[in-house]
Amino acid sequence: MAESLLNRIAGGDARAVSECIEHFSGLVWSLARRLTRTRADAEDAVQEIFTDIWRSAARFDPAQGSEKVFVMTIARRRLIDRLRRASNEPRMESVEVLDQLPWSDATSRAEVCVEAERAAQAVARLRPDQQQVLNLGILHGLTHSEIAARTGMPLGTVKTYMRRGLIQVREWLEVSAGDVTEGAQP
């Protein structure tokens, strides 16, 4: 009897990984496409699923079920996790909403737009997880605890990402902490 794909993956056989992807990709893709909003989400999900299969291959037990059942169980769990995360994320407004906001005058609007653009570019340079934490905290007004609950990150990680992200953005914008607090309302 030939050794199973998952046992070969667990044994470090790189060719088995390719064979596993080739063998199960259609099945995983169809499930991911049905349970995600966009094609890009489905692609990300499939990559996450096959990475998890690779990491979990050593846990495969033929007595518990077939390789197909094992793969589909992992796929189902990862997709459910993604759906839960997506349902906990706040609904983001389109950037075009900013154009509809009233401004006091053309001069201040131009200044604010330039500063906002610089800030947005600085935030865009951060890692995606830091961007998410800053976005939820600053734009949506969530507390550290709420961000941790919404993202599934540990509270300490959220606090660290917020602090380090703000420090990094200030450095890129060449703004000192004193400049930020002087303009703050009491």
N, C-alpha and C. Protein backbone atom coordinates (compact mmCIF):
# COMPACT_ATOMS: atom_id res chain seq x y z
N MET A 1 0.84 -1.18 0.00
CA MET A 1 0.00 0.00 0.00
C MET A 1 0.89 1.24 0.00
N ALA A 2 0.58 2.18 -0.85
CA ALA A 2 1.37 3.40 -0.97
C ALA A 2 1.13 4.29 0.24
N GLU A 3 2.19 4.98 0.62
CA GLU A 3 2.10 5.90 1.76
C GLU A 3 1.21 7.08 1.37
N SER A 4 0.39 7.54 2.29
CA SER A 4 -0.54 8.63 2.01
C SER A 4 0.20 9.94 1.76
N LEU A 5 -0.45 10.84 1.03
CA LEU A 5 0.12 12.16 0.76
C LEU A 5 0.44 12.89 2.06
N LEU A 6 -0.47 12.85 3.00
CA LEU A 6 -0.28 13.59 4.24
C LEU A 6 0.87 13.02 5.07
N ASN A 7 1.03 11.71 5.06
CA ASN A 7 2.17 11.12 5.77
C ASN A 7 3.48 11.52 5.09
N ARG A 8 3.47 11.58 3.77
CA ARG A 8 4.67 12.01 3.04
C ARG A 8 4.97 13.49 3.32
N ILE A 9 3.93 14.31 3.40
CA ILE A 9 4.13 15.73 3.74
C ILE A 9 4.73 15.83 5.13
N ALA A 10 4.18 15.09 6.08
CA ALA A 10 4.68 15.11 7.45
C ALA A 10 6.14 14.66 7.50
N GLY A 11 6.52 13.79 6.57
CA GLY A 11 7.90 13.31 6.50
C GLY A 11 8.84 14.26 5.77
N GLY A 12 8.31 15.38 5.28
CA GLY A 12 9.16 16.38 4.64
C GLY A 12 9.30 16.24 3.14
N ASP A 13 8.45 15.46 2.51
CA ASP A 13 8.51 15.25 1.06
C ASP A 13 7.89 16.46 0.35
N ALA A 14 8.72 17.28 -0.28
CA ALA A 14 8.26 18.49 -0.96
C ALA A 14 7.35 18.16 -2.15
N ARG A 15 7.64 17.07 -2.82
CA ARG A 15 6.81 16.66 -3.96
C ARG A 15 5.39 16.31 -3.50
N ALA A 16 5.27 15.77 -2.31
CA ALA A 16 3.94 15.42 -1.78
C ALA A 16 3.10 16.67 -1.55
N VAL A 17 3.74 17.77 -1.17
CA VAL A 17 3.01 19.03 -0.98
C VAL A 17 2.39 19.45 -2.31
N SER A 18 3.18 19.41 -3.37
CA SER A 18 2.68 19.77 -4.70
C SER A 18 1.56 18.84 -5.14
N GLU A 19 1.72 17.55 -4.89
CA GLU A 19 0.69 16.58 -5.25
C GLU A 19 -0.59 16.83 -4.46
N CYS A 20 -0.45 17.17 -3.20
CA CYS A 20 -1.61 17.44 -2.35
C CYS A 20 -2.37 18.66 -2.89
N ILE A 21 -1.64 19.70 -3.22
CA ILE A 21 -2.28 20.90 -3.76
C ILE A 21 -2.97 20.57 -5.08
N GLU A 22 -2.29 19.82 -5.93
CA GLU A 22 -2.88 19.45 -7.22
C GLU A 22 -4.13 18.59 -7.02
N HIS A 23 -4.06 17.67 -6.09
CA HIS A 23 -5.16 16.73 -5.87
C HIS A 23 -6.39 17.39 -5.22
N PHE A 24 -6.15 18.28 -4.24
CA PHE A 24 -7.27 18.83 -3.47
C PHE A 24 -7.60 20.30 -3.78
N SER A 25 -6.85 20.93 -4.66
CA SER A 25 -7.07 22.37 -4.89
C SER A 25 -8.45 22.69 -5.43
N GLY A 26 -8.97 21.87 -6.34
CA GLY A 26 -10.31 22.12 -6.88
C GLY A 26 -11.38 22.08 -5.82
N LEU A 27 -11.28 21.10 -4.95
CA LEU A 27 -12.25 20.94 -3.87
C LEU A 27 -12.16 22.09 -2.87
N VAL A 28 -10.94 22.42 -2.47
CA VAL A 28 -10.73 23.51 -1.51
C VAL A 28 -11.15 24.84 -2.14
N TRP A 29 -10.78 25.05 -3.40
CA TRP A 29 -11.13 26.30 -4.07
C TRP A 29 -12.65 26.48 -4.15
N SER A 30 -13.36 25.43 -4.53
CA SER A 30 -14.82 25.58 -4.67
C SER A 30 -15.47 25.90 -3.33
N LEU A 31 -15.00 25.30 -2.27
CA LEU A 31 -15.54 25.60 -0.95
C LEU A 31 -15.18 27.03 -0.53
N ALA A 32 -13.94 27.42 -0.76
CA ALA A 32 -13.50 28.77 -0.39
C ALA A 32 -14.25 29.82 -1.19
N ARG A 33 -14.47 29.57 -2.45
CA ARG A 33 -15.16 30.56 -3.30
C ARG A 33 -16.60 30.75 -2.86
N ARG A 34 -17.23 29.66 -2.40
CA ARG A 34 -18.62 29.77 -1.93
C ARG A 34 -18.72 30.51 -0.61
N LEU A 35 -17.69 30.43 0.23
CA LEU A 35 -17.77 30.98 1.58
C LEU A 35 -17.00 32.28 1.79
N THR A 36 -16.51 32.88 0.71
CA THR A 36 -15.82 34.17 0.83
C THR A 36 -16.50 35.18 -0.08
N ARG A 37 -16.25 36.46 0.21
CA ARG A 37 -16.92 37.52 -0.53
C ARG A 37 -16.32 37.79 -1.89
N THR A 38 -15.00 37.72 -1.98
CA THR A 38 -14.35 38.07 -3.23
C THR A 38 -13.38 36.98 -3.65
N ARG A 39 -12.96 37.07 -4.89
CA ARG A 39 -11.98 36.11 -5.41
C ARG A 39 -10.67 36.23 -4.62
N ALA A 40 -10.28 37.46 -4.31
CA ALA A 40 -9.03 37.68 -3.55
C ALA A 40 -9.12 37.03 -2.17
N ASP A 41 -10.29 37.16 -1.51
CA ASP A 41 -10.48 36.51 -0.21
C ASP A 41 -10.37 34.99 -0.35
N ALA A 42 -10.93 34.45 -1.42
CA ALA A 42 -10.87 33.00 -1.65
C ALA A 42 -9.42 32.56 -1.87
N GLU A 43 -8.67 33.35 -2.64
CA GLU A 43 -7.26 33.00 -2.88
C GLU A 43 -6.47 33.01 -1.58
N ASP A 44 -6.71 34.04 -0.74
CA ASP A 44 -6.03 34.10 0.55
C ASP A 44 -6.42 32.90 1.41
N ALA A 45 -7.70 32.57 1.40
CA ALA A 45 -8.19 31.46 2.21
C ALA A 45 -7.55 30.14 1.77
N VAL A 46 -7.48 29.92 0.48
CA VAL A 46 -6.90 28.67 -0.03
C VAL A 46 -5.43 28.57 0.38
N GLN A 47 -4.71 29.67 0.27
CA GLN A 47 -3.30 29.65 0.69
C GLN A 47 -3.20 29.34 2.19
N GLU A 48 -4.04 29.96 2.99
CA GLU A 48 -4.04 29.72 4.44
C GLU A 48 -4.38 28.26 4.74
N ILE A 49 -5.34 27.71 4.01
CA ILE A 49 -5.77 26.32 4.22
C ILE A 49 -4.62 25.36 3.91
N PHE A 50 -3.97 25.53 2.76
CA PHE A 50 -2.89 24.60 2.41
C PHE A 50 -1.68 24.76 3.33
N THR A 51 -1.45 25.95 3.83
CA THR A 51 -0.38 26.14 4.82
C THR A 51 -0.73 25.37 6.09
N ASP A 52 -1.99 25.45 6.49
CA ASP A 52 -2.42 24.73 7.69
C ASP A 52 -2.37 23.21 7.48
N ILE A 53 -2.72 22.76 6.29
CA ILE A 53 -2.62 21.32 5.98
C ILE A 53 -1.17 20.87 6.10
N TRP A 54 -0.25 21.68 5.56
CA TRP A 54 1.17 21.35 5.63
C TRP A 54 1.62 21.25 7.09
N ARG A 55 1.19 22.23 7.91
CA ARG A 55 1.59 22.21 9.33
C ARG A 55 0.94 21.06 10.10
N SER A 56 -0.26 20.67 9.70
CA SER A 56 -1.03 19.68 10.46
C SER A 56 -0.91 18.26 9.93
N ALA A 57 -0.18 18.06 8.87
CA ALA A 57 -0.13 16.75 8.22
C ALA A 57 0.27 15.63 9.18
N ALA A 58 1.13 15.93 10.14
CA ALA A 58 1.58 14.89 11.08
C ALA A 58 0.44 14.38 11.97
N ARG A 59 -0.63 15.16 12.10
CA ARG A 59 -1.77 14.75 12.93
C ARG A 59 -2.74 13.82 12.19
N PHE A 60 -2.53 13.64 10.88
CA PHE A 60 -3.44 12.80 10.11
C PHE A 60 -3.38 11.36 10.60
N ASP A 61 -4.56 10.80 10.84
CA ASP A 61 -4.69 9.41 11.28
C ASP A 61 -5.70 8.73 10.36
N PRO A 62 -5.23 7.80 9.52
CA PRO A 62 -6.16 7.13 8.58
C PRO A 62 -7.30 6.41 9.28
N ALA A 63 -7.11 6.05 10.55
CA ALA A 63 -8.18 5.39 11.29
C ALA A 63 -9.33 6.35 11.59
N GLN A 64 -9.05 7.64 11.60
CA GLN A 64 -10.07 8.65 11.89
C GLN A 64 -10.88 9.05 10.65
N GLY A 65 -10.32 8.83 9.48
CA GLY A 65 -11.00 9.20 8.25
C GLY A 65 -10.02 9.31 7.10
N SER A 66 -10.56 9.60 5.94
CA SER A 66 -9.73 9.68 4.74
C SER A 66 -8.97 11.01 4.69
N GLU A 67 -8.01 11.07 3.77
CA GLU A 67 -7.27 12.31 3.57
C GLU A 67 -8.23 13.43 3.15
N LYS A 68 -9.20 13.08 2.32
CA LYS A 68 -10.18 14.07 1.86
C LYS A 68 -10.94 14.65 3.03
N VAL A 69 -11.35 13.83 3.97
CA VAL A 69 -12.07 14.30 5.16
C VAL A 69 -11.16 15.20 5.99
N PHE A 70 -9.91 14.81 6.16
CA PHE A 70 -8.95 15.61 6.92
C PHE A 70 -8.76 16.98 6.28
N VAL A 71 -8.54 17.01 4.97
CA VAL A 71 -8.34 18.27 4.25
C VAL A 71 -9.58 19.14 4.34
N MET A 72 -10.74 18.56 4.13
CA MET A 72 -11.97 19.35 4.15
C MET A 72 -12.31 19.84 5.56
N THR A 73 -11.94 19.09 6.57
CA THR A 73 -12.14 19.54 7.95
C THR A 73 -11.30 20.78 8.23
N ILE A 74 -10.05 20.74 7.82
CA ILE A 74 -9.17 21.90 8.00
C ILE A 74 -9.71 23.08 7.19
N ALA A 75 -10.11 22.83 5.95
CA ALA A 75 -10.63 23.90 5.11
C ALA A 75 -11.88 24.52 5.75
N ARG A 76 -12.77 23.69 6.20
CA ARG A 76 -14.01 24.18 6.83
C ARG A 76 -13.70 25.03 8.07
N ARG A 77 -12.80 24.56 8.91
CA ARG A 77 -12.46 25.31 10.12
C ARG A 77 -11.82 26.66 9.79
N ARG A 78 -10.89 26.67 8.84
CA ARG A 78 -10.24 27.93 8.46
C ARG A 78 -11.25 28.91 7.87
N LEU A 79 -12.16 28.41 7.05
CA LEU A 79 -13.16 29.29 6.44
C LEU A 79 -14.14 29.83 7.47
N ILE A 80 -14.50 29.02 8.43
CA ILE A 80 -15.37 29.49 9.52
C ILE A 80 -14.64 30.56 10.32
N ASP A 81 -13.36 30.34 10.61
CA ASP A 81 -12.57 31.36 11.32
C ASP A 81 -12.55 32.67 10.55
N ARG A 82 -12.37 32.59 9.24
CA ARG A 82 -12.35 33.80 8.41
C ARG A 82 -13.70 34.50 8.42
N LEU A 83 -14.78 33.73 8.36
CA LEU A 83 -16.12 34.32 8.40
C LEU A 83 -16.36 35.03 9.73
N ARG A 84 -15.92 34.42 10.80
CA ARG A 84 -16.09 35.05 12.12
C ARG A 84 -15.29 36.35 12.21
N ARG A 85 -14.05 36.31 11.74
CA ARG A 85 -13.23 37.53 11.77
C ARG A 85 -13.88 38.62 10.92
N ALA A 86 -14.37 38.25 9.75
CA ALA A 86 -14.98 39.24 8.85
C ALA A 86 -16.24 39.83 9.47
N SER A 87 -17.01 39.02 10.19
CA SER A 87 -18.24 39.55 10.78
C SER A 87 -17.93 40.45 11.97
N ASN A 88 -16.76 40.31 12.57
CA ASN A 88 -16.37 41.16 13.69
C ASN A 88 -15.71 42.45 13.26
N GLU A 89 -15.29 42.53 12.00
CA GLU A 89 -14.63 43.74 11.53
C GLU A 89 -15.66 44.84 11.30
N PRO A 90 -15.30 46.07 11.64
CA PRO A 90 -16.24 47.15 11.40
C PRO A 90 -16.40 47.39 9.91
N ARG A 91 -17.56 47.85 9.54
CA ARG A 91 -17.82 48.17 8.14
C ARG A 91 -17.05 49.44 7.81
N MET A 92 -16.25 49.38 6.77
CA MET A 92 -15.44 50.51 6.38
C MET A 92 -16.18 51.34 5.34
N GLU A 93 -16.16 52.63 5.53
CA GLU A 93 -16.73 53.53 4.55
C GLU A 93 -15.72 53.74 3.43
N SER A 94 -16.22 54.03 2.28
CA SER A 94 -15.38 54.31 1.13
C SER A 94 -14.64 55.61 1.34
N VAL A 95 -13.47 55.72 0.75
CA VAL A 95 -12.67 56.94 0.85
C VAL A 95 -13.42 58.12 0.24
N GLU A 96 -14.30 57.87 -0.71
CA GLU A 96 -15.06 58.96 -1.35
C GLU A 96 -15.93 59.71 -0.34
N VAL A 97 -16.27 59.09 0.77
CA VAL A 97 -17.07 59.76 1.80
C VAL A 97 -16.33 61.00 2.31
N LEU A 98 -15.01 60.97 2.32
CA LEU A 98 -14.24 62.11 2.79
C LEU A 98 -14.48 63.34 1.93
N ASP A 99 -14.73 63.14 0.63
CA ASP A 99 -14.98 64.28 -0.26
C ASP A 99 -16.29 64.99 0.06
N GLN A 100 -17.20 64.33 0.74
CA GLN A 100 -18.50 64.91 1.04
C GLN A 100 -18.52 65.67 2.36
N LEU A 101 -17.43 65.61 3.13
CA LEU A 101 -17.38 66.29 4.41
C LEU A 101 -17.27 67.80 4.20
N PRO A 102 -17.99 68.59 5.02
CA PRO A 102 -17.88 70.04 4.88
C PRO A 102 -16.56 70.54 5.45
N TRP A 103 -16.00 71.57 4.82
CA TRP A 103 -14.75 72.18 5.26
C TRP A 103 -15.00 73.65 5.49
N SER A 104 -14.19 74.26 6.35
CA SER A 104 -14.42 75.66 6.69
C SER A 104 -14.05 76.61 5.57
N ASP A 105 -12.94 76.40 4.92
CA ASP A 105 -12.58 77.24 3.78
C ASP A 105 -11.58 76.51 2.90
N ALA A 106 -11.34 77.06 1.72
CA ALA A 106 -10.49 76.39 0.74
C ALA A 106 -9.05 76.26 1.22
N THR A 107 -8.53 77.27 1.93
CA THR A 107 -7.15 77.23 2.39
C THR A 107 -6.96 76.11 3.40
N SER A 108 -7.83 76.06 4.41
CA SER A 108 -7.67 75.02 5.42
C SER A 108 -7.94 73.64 4.82
N ARG A 109 -8.85 73.57 3.85
CA ARG A 109 -9.13 72.29 3.20
C ARG A 109 -7.88 71.78 2.50
N ALA A 110 -7.21 72.65 1.79
CA ALA A 110 -5.99 72.26 1.08
C ALA A 110 -4.92 71.80 2.07
N GLU A 111 -4.76 72.55 3.17
CA GLU A 111 -3.76 72.18 4.17
C GLU A 111 -4.09 70.83 4.81
N VAL A 112 -5.35 70.67 5.15
CA VAL A 112 -5.77 69.42 5.78
C VAL A 112 -5.61 68.26 4.81
N CYS A 113 -5.95 68.46 3.55
CA CYS A 113 -5.81 67.39 2.56
C CYS A 113 -4.36 66.96 2.41
N VAL A 114 -3.46 67.94 2.37
CA VAL A 114 -2.03 67.63 2.24
C VAL A 114 -1.55 66.86 3.46
N GLU A 115 -1.92 67.32 4.64
CA GLU A 115 -1.51 66.63 5.87
C GLU A 115 -2.13 65.24 5.96
N ALA A 116 -3.40 65.14 5.61
CA ALA A 116 -4.07 63.84 5.64
C ALA A 116 -3.42 62.87 4.66
N GLU A 117 -3.07 63.35 3.49
CA GLU A 117 -2.42 62.51 2.49
C GLU A 117 -1.07 62.02 3.00
N ARG A 118 -0.30 62.92 3.61
CA ARG A 118 1.01 62.53 4.17
C ARG A 118 0.82 61.48 5.26
N ALA A 119 -0.17 61.71 6.13
CA ALA A 119 -0.43 60.75 7.22
C ALA A 119 -0.87 59.40 6.66
N ALA A 120 -1.75 59.42 5.67
CA ALA A 120 -2.22 58.17 5.06
C ALA A 120 -1.06 57.41 4.41
N GLN A 121 -0.16 58.13 3.76
CA GLN A 121 1.00 57.47 3.14
C GLN A 121 1.91 56.87 4.20
N ALA A 122 2.07 57.57 5.32
CA ALA A 122 2.91 57.05 6.40
C ALA A 122 2.29 55.79 7.00
N VAL A 123 0.99 55.82 7.25
CA VAL A 123 0.30 54.65 7.82
C VAL A 123 0.37 53.48 6.83
N ALA A 124 0.27 53.76 5.55
CA ALA A 124 0.32 52.70 4.53
C ALA A 124 1.67 51.99 4.51
N ARG A 125 2.70 52.61 5.06
CA ARG A 125 4.02 51.99 5.10
C ARG A 125 4.14 50.97 6.24
N LEU A 126 3.21 51.01 7.19
CA LEU A 126 3.24 50.08 8.31
C LEU A 126 2.83 48.69 7.86
N ARG A 127 3.12 47.70 8.70
CA ARG A 127 2.66 46.34 8.44
C ARG A 127 1.13 46.32 8.48
N PRO A 128 0.50 45.43 7.72
CA PRO A 128 -0.97 45.39 7.68
C PRO A 128 -1.63 45.25 9.05
N ASP A 129 -1.06 44.46 9.95
CA ASP A 129 -1.68 44.30 11.26
C ASP A 129 -1.59 45.60 12.07
N GLN A 130 -0.49 46.34 11.93
CA GLN A 130 -0.37 47.64 12.61
C GLN A 130 -1.36 48.64 11.99
N GLN A 131 -1.50 48.61 10.68
CA GLN A 131 -2.46 49.49 10.02
C GLN A 131 -3.87 49.23 10.55
N GLN A 132 -4.21 47.95 10.67
CA GLN A 132 -5.54 47.59 11.14
C GLN A 132 -5.78 48.11 12.56
N VAL A 133 -4.80 47.95 13.44
CA VAL A 133 -4.94 48.41 14.82
C VAL A 133 -5.10 49.93 14.87
N LEU A 134 -4.27 50.66 14.12
CA LEU A 134 -4.38 52.12 14.10
C LEU A 134 -5.72 52.56 13.51
N ASN A 135 -6.15 51.91 12.47
CA ASN A 135 -7.42 52.24 11.83
C ASN A 135 -8.58 52.06 12.81
N LEU A 136 -8.61 50.92 13.48
CA LEU A 136 -9.70 50.66 14.43
C LEU A 136 -9.65 51.61 15.62
N GLY A 137 -8.45 51.94 16.07
CA GLY A 137 -8.33 52.81 17.24
C GLY A 137 -8.57 54.28 16.93
N ILE A 138 -7.98 54.76 15.85
CA ILE A 138 -8.05 56.18 15.54
C ILE A 138 -9.31 56.54 14.75
N LEU A 139 -9.56 55.83 13.68
CA LEU A 139 -10.70 56.18 12.83
C LEU A 139 -12.04 55.71 13.39
N HIS A 140 -12.02 54.57 14.07
CA HIS A 140 -13.28 54.01 14.58
C HIS A 140 -13.45 54.21 16.08
N GLY A 141 -12.41 54.71 16.74
CA GLY A 141 -12.53 55.03 18.15
C GLY A 141 -12.66 53.85 19.09
N LEU A 142 -12.17 52.69 18.69
CA LEU A 142 -12.26 51.52 19.56
C LEU A 142 -11.16 51.56 20.62
N THR A 143 -11.46 50.99 21.77
CA THR A 143 -10.46 50.89 22.82
C THR A 143 -9.51 49.73 22.50
N HIS A 144 -8.41 49.66 23.24
CA HIS A 144 -7.48 48.55 23.04
C HIS A 144 -8.18 47.21 23.23
N SER A 145 -9.01 47.12 24.25
CA SER A 145 -9.73 45.86 24.53
C SER A 145 -10.68 45.51 23.40
N GLU A 146 -11.37 46.51 22.87
CA GLU A 146 -12.30 46.26 21.77
C GLU A 146 -11.56 45.82 20.52
N ILE A 147 -10.40 46.43 20.28
CA ILE A 147 -9.58 46.04 19.12
C ILE A 147 -9.11 44.60 19.29
N ALA A 148 -8.66 44.25 20.49
CA ALA A 148 -8.20 42.88 20.75
C ALA A 148 -9.33 41.88 20.52
N ALA A 149 -10.53 42.22 21.00
CA ALA A 149 -11.67 41.32 20.82
C ALA A 149 -12.04 41.19 19.34
N ARG A 150 -12.01 42.28 18.63
CA ARG A 150 -12.42 42.29 17.23
C ARG A 150 -11.42 41.57 16.33
N THR A 151 -10.12 41.73 16.61
CA THR A 151 -9.09 41.14 15.74
C THR A 151 -8.62 39.77 16.20
N GLY A 152 -8.89 39.44 17.46
CA GLY A 152 -8.39 38.18 17.99
C GLY A 152 -6.93 38.26 18.43
N MET A 153 -6.37 39.47 18.44
CA MET A 153 -4.99 39.65 18.89
C MET A 153 -4.96 39.76 20.41
N PRO A 154 -3.86 39.36 21.04
CA PRO A 154 -3.73 39.58 22.48
C PRO A 154 -3.72 41.09 22.78
N LEU A 155 -4.24 41.46 23.94
CA LEU A 155 -4.32 42.86 24.33
C LEU A 155 -2.95 43.53 24.31
N GLY A 156 -1.93 42.86 24.81
CA GLY A 156 -0.58 43.42 24.83
C GLY A 156 -0.05 43.69 23.43
N THR A 157 -0.38 42.81 22.50
CA THR A 157 0.03 42.99 21.12
C THR A 157 -0.64 44.22 20.52
N VAL A 158 -1.93 44.38 20.80
CA VAL A 158 -2.66 45.55 20.30
C VAL A 158 -2.02 46.83 20.82
N LYS A 159 -1.72 46.87 22.12
CA LYS A 159 -1.11 48.06 22.71
C LYS A 159 0.26 48.34 22.09
N THR A 160 1.04 47.29 21.89
CA THR A 160 2.36 47.44 21.29
C THR A 160 2.26 47.94 19.85
N TYR A 161 1.37 47.34 19.06
CA TYR A 161 1.20 47.77 17.68
C TYR A 161 0.74 49.22 17.61
N MET A 162 -0.16 49.60 18.50
CA MET A 162 -0.65 50.99 18.50
C MET A 162 0.49 51.94 18.82
N ARG A 163 1.21 51.66 19.90
CA ARG A 163 2.29 52.55 20.31
C ARG A 163 3.40 52.63 19.27
N ARG A 164 3.88 51.48 18.84
CA ARG A 164 4.98 51.47 17.87
C ARG A 164 4.54 52.06 16.53
N GLY A 165 3.31 51.79 16.14
CA GLY A 165 2.80 52.35 14.89
C GLY A 165 2.73 53.85 14.94
N LEU A 166 2.22 54.41 16.03
CA LEU A 166 2.13 55.86 16.18
C LEU A 166 3.52 56.50 16.21
N ILE A 167 4.43 55.87 16.93
CA ILE A 167 5.80 56.38 17.00
C ILE A 167 6.42 56.38 15.60
N GLN A 168 6.24 55.29 14.87
CA GLN A 168 6.82 55.18 13.53
C GLN A 168 6.23 56.22 12.59
N VAL A 169 4.92 56.42 12.64
CA VAL A 169 4.27 57.41 11.77
C VAL A 169 4.77 58.81 12.12
N ARG A 170 4.88 59.11 13.41
CA ARG A 170 5.40 60.43 13.82
C ARG A 170 6.81 60.64 13.30
N GLU A 171 7.65 59.60 13.36
CA GLU A 171 9.02 59.72 12.85
C GLU A 171 9.02 59.99 11.35
N TRP A 172 8.20 59.25 10.61
CA TRP A 172 8.14 59.44 9.17
C TRP A 172 7.61 60.83 8.81
N LEU A 173 6.69 61.33 9.62
CA LEU A 173 6.13 62.66 9.35
C LEU A 173 6.98 63.77 9.97
N GLU A 174 8.01 63.35 10.71
CA GLU A 174 8.89 64.30 11.40
C GLU A 174 8.10 65.21 12.33
N VAL A 175 7.23 64.58 13.11
CA VAL A 175 6.41 65.28 14.11
C VAL A 175 6.86 64.80 15.47
N SER A 176 7.15 65.71 16.37
CA SER A 176 7.54 65.30 17.71
C SER A 176 6.30 65.07 18.54
N ALA A 177 6.43 64.29 19.62
CA ALA A 177 5.30 64.02 20.49
C ALA A 177 4.77 65.32 21.09
N GLY A 178 5.63 66.30 21.33
CA GLY A 178 5.21 67.58 21.87
C GLY A 178 4.30 68.33 20.91
N ASP A 179 4.58 68.25 19.60
CA ASP A 179 3.75 68.89 18.60
C ASP A 179 2.35 68.31 18.60
N VAL A 180 2.24 67.01 18.83
CA VAL A 180 0.93 66.35 18.83
C VAL A 180 0.13 66.76 20.05
N THR A 181 0.75 66.76 21.24
CA THR A 181 0.01 67.07 22.46
C THR A 181 -0.31 68.54 22.59
N GLU A 182 0.52 69.44 22.01
CA GLU A 182 0.24 70.87 22.10
C GLU A 182 -1.05 71.22 21.38
N GLY A 183 -1.35 70.53 20.28
CA GLY A 183 -2.55 70.84 19.51
C GLY A 183 -3.77 70.10 20.01
N ALA A 184 -3.61 69.23 21.00
CA ALA A 184 -4.73 68.44 21.51
C ALA A 184 -5.64 69.28 22.38
N GLN A 185 -6.91 68.92 22.37
CA GLN A 185 -7.89 69.59 23.22
C GLN A 185 -7.77 69.05 24.65
N PRO A 186 -7.99 69.89 25.68
CA PRO A 186 -7.88 69.41 27.06
C PRO A 186 -8.99 68.45 27.40
